[in-house]
N, C-alpha and C. Protein backbone atom coordinates (compact mmCIF):
# COMPACT_ATOMS: atom_id res chain seq x y z
N MET A 1 -65.55 -159.34 234.58
CA MET A 1 -66.24 -158.77 235.69
C MET A 1 -65.20 -158.46 236.78
N TYR A 2 -65.30 -157.28 237.35
CA TYR A 2 -64.38 -156.84 238.39
C TYR A 2 -65.17 -156.54 239.65
N TRP A 3 -64.50 -156.68 240.79
CA TRP A 3 -65.17 -156.38 242.06
C TRP A 3 -64.16 -155.85 243.06
N ALA A 4 -64.68 -155.09 244.02
CA ALA A 4 -63.84 -154.55 245.09
C ALA A 4 -64.70 -154.33 246.32
N GLU A 5 -64.11 -154.59 247.48
CA GLU A 5 -64.80 -154.29 248.73
C GLU A 5 -64.52 -152.85 249.11
N VAL A 6 -65.57 -152.12 249.41
CA VAL A 6 -65.44 -150.72 249.83
C VAL A 6 -66.36 -150.49 251.03
N GLY A 7 -65.81 -149.95 252.08
CA GLY A 7 -66.62 -149.69 253.27
C GLY A 7 -67.30 -150.95 253.74
N HIS A 8 -68.62 -150.91 253.79
CA HIS A 8 -69.41 -152.07 254.23
C HIS A 8 -70.09 -152.76 253.06
N GLY A 9 -69.59 -152.55 251.84
CA GLY A 9 -70.23 -153.16 250.69
C GLY A 9 -69.25 -153.64 249.66
N VAL A 10 -69.81 -154.04 248.54
CA VAL A 10 -69.02 -154.57 247.43
C VAL A 10 -69.47 -153.86 246.16
N LEU A 11 -68.50 -153.39 245.37
CA LEU A 11 -68.80 -152.81 244.06
C LEU A 11 -68.47 -153.84 243.00
N MET A 12 -69.33 -153.95 242.00
CA MET A 12 -69.10 -154.87 240.88
C MET A 12 -69.33 -154.11 239.59
N ALA A 13 -68.50 -154.38 238.58
CA ALA A 13 -68.65 -153.72 237.28
C ALA A 13 -68.00 -154.55 236.20
N SER A 14 -68.48 -154.36 234.98
CA SER A 14 -67.91 -155.06 233.83
C SER A 14 -66.59 -154.44 233.40
N HIS A 15 -66.41 -153.17 233.68
CA HIS A 15 -65.21 -152.45 233.24
C HIS A 15 -64.58 -151.74 234.43
N LEU A 16 -63.25 -151.71 234.44
CA LEU A 16 -62.54 -151.04 235.52
C LEU A 16 -62.90 -149.56 235.60
N ARG A 17 -63.05 -148.92 234.46
CA ARG A 17 -63.33 -147.48 234.47
C ARG A 17 -64.63 -147.17 235.21
N ASP A 18 -65.59 -148.10 235.18
CA ASP A 18 -66.84 -147.88 235.89
C ASP A 18 -66.63 -147.94 237.40
N LEU A 19 -65.79 -148.87 237.85
CA LEU A 19 -65.46 -148.92 239.27
C LEU A 19 -64.75 -147.65 239.72
N PHE A 20 -63.81 -147.19 238.90
CA PHE A 20 -63.03 -146.01 239.26
C PHE A 20 -63.87 -144.73 239.22
N ARG A 21 -64.88 -144.71 238.37
CA ARG A 21 -65.77 -143.55 238.31
C ARG A 21 -66.55 -143.42 239.63
N ILE A 22 -66.94 -144.56 240.20
CA ILE A 22 -67.70 -144.55 241.44
C ILE A 22 -66.79 -144.40 242.65
N ALA A 23 -65.64 -145.06 242.61
CA ALA A 23 -64.71 -145.05 243.75
C ALA A 23 -63.28 -144.83 243.26
N PRO A 24 -62.90 -143.58 242.99
CA PRO A 24 -61.56 -143.31 242.46
C PRO A 24 -60.43 -143.74 243.39
N GLU A 25 -60.71 -143.92 244.67
CA GLU A 25 -59.68 -144.35 245.61
C GLU A 25 -59.20 -145.77 245.33
N LEU A 26 -59.91 -146.52 244.50
CA LEU A 26 -59.51 -147.89 244.15
C LEU A 26 -58.34 -147.93 243.16
N ILE A 27 -58.06 -146.81 242.51
CA ILE A 27 -56.98 -146.79 241.51
C ILE A 27 -55.64 -147.10 242.16
N LYS A 28 -55.39 -146.56 243.34
CA LYS A 28 -54.12 -146.79 244.04
C LYS A 28 -54.43 -147.47 245.36
N PRO A 29 -53.54 -148.26 245.88
CA PRO A 29 -52.19 -148.57 245.44
C PRO A 29 -52.18 -149.63 244.33
N LEU A 30 -51.05 -149.67 243.63
CA LEU A 30 -50.88 -150.68 242.59
C LEU A 30 -50.51 -152.01 243.24
N ASP A 31 -50.88 -153.10 242.59
CA ASP A 31 -50.54 -154.45 243.04
C ASP A 31 -49.19 -154.82 242.43
N VAL A 32 -48.17 -154.88 243.27
CA VAL A 32 -46.80 -155.10 242.81
C VAL A 32 -46.65 -156.47 242.15
N GLN A 33 -47.29 -157.49 242.71
CA GLN A 33 -47.20 -158.83 242.12
C GLN A 33 -47.88 -158.88 240.76
N ALA A 34 -49.00 -158.20 240.61
CA ALA A 34 -49.67 -158.14 239.31
C ALA A 34 -48.80 -157.40 238.30
N LEU A 35 -48.17 -156.33 238.74
CA LEU A 35 -47.28 -155.56 237.87
C LEU A 35 -46.11 -156.43 237.40
N TYR A 36 -45.56 -157.23 238.30
CA TYR A 36 -44.49 -158.16 237.94
C TYR A 36 -44.99 -159.16 236.88
N GLY A 37 -46.21 -159.69 237.07
CA GLY A 37 -46.80 -160.60 236.09
C GLY A 37 -46.93 -159.96 234.72
N VAL A 38 -47.33 -158.70 234.69
CA VAL A 38 -47.46 -157.98 233.41
C VAL A 38 -46.11 -157.84 232.74
N PHE A 39 -45.07 -157.49 233.51
CA PHE A 39 -43.74 -157.31 232.92
C PHE A 39 -43.15 -158.64 232.45
N LYS A 40 -43.39 -159.73 233.18
CA LYS A 40 -42.80 -161.01 232.83
C LYS A 40 -43.62 -161.79 231.80
N LEU A 41 -44.98 -161.76 231.94
CA LEU A 41 -45.84 -162.61 231.12
C LEU A 41 -46.75 -161.84 230.16
N GLY A 42 -46.93 -160.55 230.45
CA GLY A 42 -47.82 -159.76 229.61
C GLY A 42 -49.22 -159.60 230.20
N PHE A 43 -49.49 -160.22 231.35
CA PHE A 43 -50.80 -160.12 232.00
C PHE A 43 -50.66 -160.49 233.47
N PRO A 44 -51.55 -159.96 234.33
CA PRO A 44 -51.51 -160.35 235.74
C PRO A 44 -52.09 -161.75 235.92
N LEU A 45 -51.58 -162.48 236.89
CA LEU A 45 -52.03 -163.85 237.12
C LEU A 45 -53.27 -163.92 238.01
N ALA A 46 -53.98 -165.03 237.89
CA ALA A 46 -55.14 -165.37 238.72
C ALA A 46 -56.19 -164.26 238.69
N ASP A 47 -56.65 -163.85 239.87
CA ASP A 47 -57.72 -162.86 239.93
C ASP A 47 -57.19 -161.44 240.11
N ARG A 48 -55.90 -161.28 239.97
CA ARG A 48 -55.29 -159.97 240.20
C ARG A 48 -55.57 -158.98 239.07
N THR A 49 -55.54 -157.70 239.44
CA THR A 49 -55.51 -156.61 238.47
C THR A 49 -54.33 -155.73 238.87
N LEU A 50 -54.04 -154.71 238.12
CA LEU A 50 -52.95 -153.81 238.48
C LEU A 50 -53.28 -152.99 239.72
N HIS A 51 -54.52 -153.03 240.14
CA HIS A 51 -54.99 -152.26 241.29
C HIS A 51 -55.21 -153.21 242.46
N GLU A 52 -54.48 -152.97 243.54
CA GLU A 52 -54.42 -153.91 244.66
C GLU A 52 -55.78 -154.29 245.23
N ARG A 53 -56.70 -153.35 245.31
CA ARG A 53 -57.99 -153.61 245.96
C ARG A 53 -59.06 -154.13 244.99
N VAL A 54 -58.75 -154.17 243.70
CA VAL A 54 -59.72 -154.62 242.69
C VAL A 54 -59.34 -156.02 242.21
N LYS A 55 -60.31 -156.91 242.22
CA LYS A 55 -60.07 -158.28 241.78
C LYS A 55 -60.92 -158.59 240.55
N ARG A 56 -60.47 -159.56 239.78
CA ARG A 56 -61.19 -160.01 238.59
C ARG A 56 -61.86 -161.34 238.92
N VAL A 57 -63.08 -161.52 238.46
CA VAL A 57 -63.77 -162.80 238.65
C VAL A 57 -63.11 -163.81 237.70
N PRO A 58 -62.61 -164.93 238.23
CA PRO A 58 -61.94 -165.91 237.36
C PRO A 58 -62.87 -166.49 236.29
N ALA A 59 -62.27 -167.02 235.25
CA ALA A 59 -63.04 -167.65 234.18
C ALA A 59 -63.86 -168.81 234.75
N GLN A 60 -65.01 -169.04 234.18
CA GLN A 60 -65.93 -170.10 234.57
C GLN A 60 -66.35 -169.97 236.04
N SER A 61 -66.50 -168.73 236.50
CA SER A 61 -66.93 -168.47 237.86
C SER A 61 -68.03 -167.43 237.83
N LYS A 62 -68.70 -167.30 238.96
CA LYS A 62 -69.71 -166.25 239.05
C LYS A 62 -69.73 -165.70 240.46
N LEU A 63 -70.08 -164.42 240.56
CA LEU A 63 -70.23 -163.77 241.85
C LEU A 63 -71.64 -164.00 242.35
N VAL A 64 -71.76 -164.38 243.62
CA VAL A 64 -73.08 -164.56 244.22
C VAL A 64 -73.07 -163.80 245.54
N TRP A 65 -74.09 -163.01 245.76
CA TRP A 65 -74.18 -162.28 247.02
C TRP A 65 -75.56 -162.49 247.61
N ASP A 66 -75.57 -162.77 248.91
CA ASP A 66 -76.84 -162.77 249.62
C ASP A 66 -76.60 -162.18 251.00
N LEU A 67 -77.68 -161.79 251.66
CA LEU A 67 -77.59 -161.09 252.93
C LEU A 67 -76.91 -161.93 254.01
N ARG A 68 -77.19 -163.22 254.02
CA ARG A 68 -76.65 -164.09 255.06
C ARG A 68 -75.17 -164.39 254.85
N SER A 69 -74.77 -164.75 253.61
CA SER A 69 -73.40 -165.21 253.36
C SER A 69 -72.48 -164.11 252.84
N GLY A 70 -73.04 -163.04 252.34
CA GLY A 70 -72.21 -162.00 251.75
C GLY A 70 -71.77 -162.40 250.35
N LEU A 71 -70.58 -161.95 249.96
CA LEU A 71 -70.08 -162.22 248.61
C LEU A 71 -69.37 -163.56 248.57
N ARG A 72 -69.70 -164.35 247.55
CA ARG A 72 -69.02 -165.62 247.31
C ARG A 72 -68.71 -165.72 245.83
N ILE A 73 -67.59 -166.35 245.52
CA ILE A 73 -67.25 -166.64 244.14
C ILE A 73 -67.40 -168.13 243.95
N LEU A 74 -68.33 -168.52 243.09
CA LEU A 74 -68.56 -169.94 242.81
C LEU A 74 -67.80 -170.30 241.55
N LYS A 75 -66.94 -171.29 241.66
CA LYS A 75 -66.16 -171.72 240.51
C LYS A 75 -66.81 -172.95 239.90
N GLY A 76 -66.60 -173.12 238.62
CA GLY A 76 -67.15 -174.28 237.92
C GLY A 76 -67.99 -173.83 236.75
N ARG A 77 -68.43 -174.80 236.01
CA ARG A 77 -69.21 -174.50 234.80
C ARG A 77 -70.55 -173.91 235.18
N THR A 78 -70.92 -172.87 234.47
CA THR A 78 -72.21 -172.25 234.72
C THR A 78 -73.17 -172.51 233.57
N ILE A 79 -72.66 -173.05 232.47
CA ILE A 79 -73.49 -173.35 231.31
C ILE A 79 -73.33 -174.83 230.99
N GLU A 80 -74.41 -175.51 230.82
CA GLU A 80 -74.36 -176.91 230.43
C GLU A 80 -74.62 -177.01 228.93
N ILE A 81 -73.75 -177.69 228.24
CA ILE A 81 -73.90 -177.87 226.80
C ILE A 81 -74.20 -179.34 226.55
N SER A 82 -75.32 -179.60 225.92
CA SER A 82 -75.68 -180.99 225.67
C SER A 82 -74.87 -181.53 224.49
N LYS A 83 -74.65 -182.83 224.52
CA LYS A 83 -73.90 -183.47 223.45
C LYS A 83 -74.76 -183.55 222.20
N SER A 84 -74.09 -183.50 221.07
CA SER A 84 -74.80 -183.59 219.79
C SER A 84 -75.38 -184.98 219.61
N ARG A 85 -76.56 -185.03 219.03
CA ARG A 85 -77.20 -186.33 218.77
C ARG A 85 -76.80 -186.89 217.41
N HIS A 86 -76.12 -186.09 216.63
CA HIS A 86 -75.72 -186.51 215.29
C HIS A 86 -74.30 -187.06 215.35
N SER A 87 -74.12 -188.22 214.78
CA SER A 87 -72.77 -188.76 214.76
C SER A 87 -72.20 -188.56 213.36
N VAL A 88 -71.04 -187.93 213.30
CA VAL A 88 -70.36 -187.67 212.04
C VAL A 88 -68.96 -188.22 212.18
N SER A 89 -68.55 -189.01 211.24
CA SER A 89 -67.19 -189.55 211.31
C SER A 89 -66.19 -188.44 210.98
N ALA A 90 -64.98 -188.62 211.45
CA ALA A 90 -63.93 -187.64 211.18
C ALA A 90 -63.70 -187.50 209.68
N THR A 91 -63.75 -188.61 208.95
CA THR A 91 -63.54 -188.58 207.50
C THR A 91 -64.62 -187.76 206.82
N SER A 92 -65.88 -187.95 207.22
CA SER A 92 -66.98 -187.18 206.62
C SER A 92 -66.84 -185.69 206.92
N ALA A 93 -66.45 -185.38 208.15
CA ALA A 93 -66.28 -183.98 208.52
C ALA A 93 -65.16 -183.33 207.71
N ILE A 94 -64.04 -184.03 207.57
CA ILE A 94 -62.91 -183.50 206.80
C ILE A 94 -63.30 -183.33 205.33
N ASP A 95 -64.00 -184.33 204.76
CA ASP A 95 -64.45 -184.23 203.37
C ASP A 95 -65.36 -183.02 203.18
N GLY A 96 -66.24 -182.77 204.13
CA GLY A 96 -67.13 -181.62 204.05
C GLY A 96 -66.38 -180.30 204.10
N ILE A 97 -65.37 -180.23 204.96
CA ILE A 97 -64.55 -179.01 205.06
C ILE A 97 -63.78 -178.79 203.77
N VAL A 98 -63.18 -179.85 203.23
CA VAL A 98 -62.41 -179.75 201.98
C VAL A 98 -63.32 -179.28 200.84
N SER A 99 -64.52 -179.84 200.75
CA SER A 99 -65.46 -179.44 199.69
C SER A 99 -65.84 -177.97 199.81
N ALA A 100 -66.09 -177.53 201.03
CA ALA A 100 -66.46 -176.12 201.24
C ALA A 100 -65.30 -175.20 200.86
N LEU A 101 -64.08 -175.57 201.23
CA LEU A 101 -62.91 -174.75 200.87
C LEU A 101 -62.70 -174.71 199.36
N GLU A 102 -62.81 -175.88 198.70
CA GLU A 102 -62.64 -175.93 197.26
C GLU A 102 -63.68 -175.06 196.55
N ALA A 103 -64.93 -175.13 196.99
CA ALA A 103 -65.99 -174.33 196.38
C ALA A 103 -65.72 -172.84 196.57
N GLY A 104 -65.26 -172.46 197.76
CA GLY A 104 -64.94 -171.05 198.01
C GLY A 104 -63.80 -170.55 197.15
N ILE A 105 -62.76 -171.37 197.01
CA ILE A 105 -61.61 -171.00 196.18
C ILE A 105 -62.04 -170.90 194.71
N ARG A 106 -62.85 -171.85 194.26
CA ARG A 106 -63.33 -171.84 192.88
C ARG A 106 -64.11 -170.56 192.59
N ARG A 107 -65.02 -170.19 193.50
CA ARG A 107 -65.80 -168.95 193.31
C ARG A 107 -64.90 -167.73 193.27
N ARG A 108 -63.89 -167.71 194.15
CA ARG A 108 -62.98 -166.57 194.20
C ARG A 108 -62.16 -166.47 192.91
N LEU A 109 -61.69 -167.60 192.40
CA LEU A 109 -60.90 -167.60 191.17
C LEU A 109 -61.76 -167.18 189.97
N GLU A 110 -63.00 -167.64 189.91
CA GLU A 110 -63.89 -167.24 188.82
C GLU A 110 -64.16 -165.74 188.86
N TRP A 111 -64.35 -165.19 190.06
CA TRP A 111 -64.60 -163.75 190.20
C TRP A 111 -63.37 -162.97 189.76
N ASN A 112 -62.17 -163.41 190.18
CA ASN A 112 -60.93 -162.72 189.80
C ASN A 112 -60.72 -162.78 188.29
N ALA A 113 -61.01 -163.92 187.67
CA ALA A 113 -60.84 -164.05 186.22
C ALA A 113 -61.76 -163.08 185.49
N THR A 114 -62.99 -162.93 185.97
CA THR A 114 -63.93 -162.00 185.37
C THR A 114 -63.41 -160.57 185.49
N GLN A 115 -62.88 -160.22 186.65
CA GLN A 115 -62.37 -158.87 186.87
C GLN A 115 -61.16 -158.59 185.99
N ILE A 116 -60.28 -159.59 185.82
CA ILE A 116 -59.08 -159.41 184.98
C ILE A 116 -59.50 -159.21 183.53
N ARG A 117 -60.49 -159.99 183.04
CA ARG A 117 -60.96 -159.83 181.67
C ARG A 117 -61.53 -158.43 181.45
N ARG A 118 -62.28 -157.94 182.40
CA ARG A 118 -62.85 -156.59 182.26
C ARG A 118 -61.75 -155.54 182.18
N LEU A 119 -60.75 -155.67 183.04
CA LEU A 119 -59.66 -154.70 183.06
C LEU A 119 -58.81 -154.75 181.81
N SER A 120 -58.65 -155.94 181.21
CA SER A 120 -57.77 -156.09 180.05
C SER A 120 -58.53 -155.92 178.74
N GLY A 121 -59.82 -155.64 178.80
CA GLY A 121 -60.60 -155.52 177.58
C GLY A 121 -60.82 -156.87 176.92
N ASP A 122 -60.90 -157.92 177.72
CA ASP A 122 -61.14 -159.30 177.25
C ASP A 122 -60.01 -159.84 176.38
N PHE A 123 -58.78 -159.37 176.58
CA PHE A 123 -57.64 -159.88 175.82
C PHE A 123 -57.00 -161.08 176.49
N CYS A 124 -57.49 -161.50 177.66
CA CYS A 124 -56.88 -162.65 178.37
C CYS A 124 -57.46 -163.94 177.90
């Protein structure tokens, strides 16, 4: 999610191109620090984008706007995940994964053997 302040309001969009379609003046100027981050690390740091006036909503955050407070970014978890009620030991989980992998490999080998026999005229 991206956002930018324009005039007396705030624009929000899921994609940069949507912001630029509405307000092309947001494309420039470039954010020099974000550009440095891209050259050094491969991505801009924090909430920066390559466009100085456009910001990215940080991970695990949400934009909230109301008439009294204006725009606020609330950080923290927005989804609560309940703990599993089933207890599985690590050994049982690993055994289950190993069994599933073995069964998958066995099926794949059987399929390949059938295909090889067909191609060779059952001479294998």
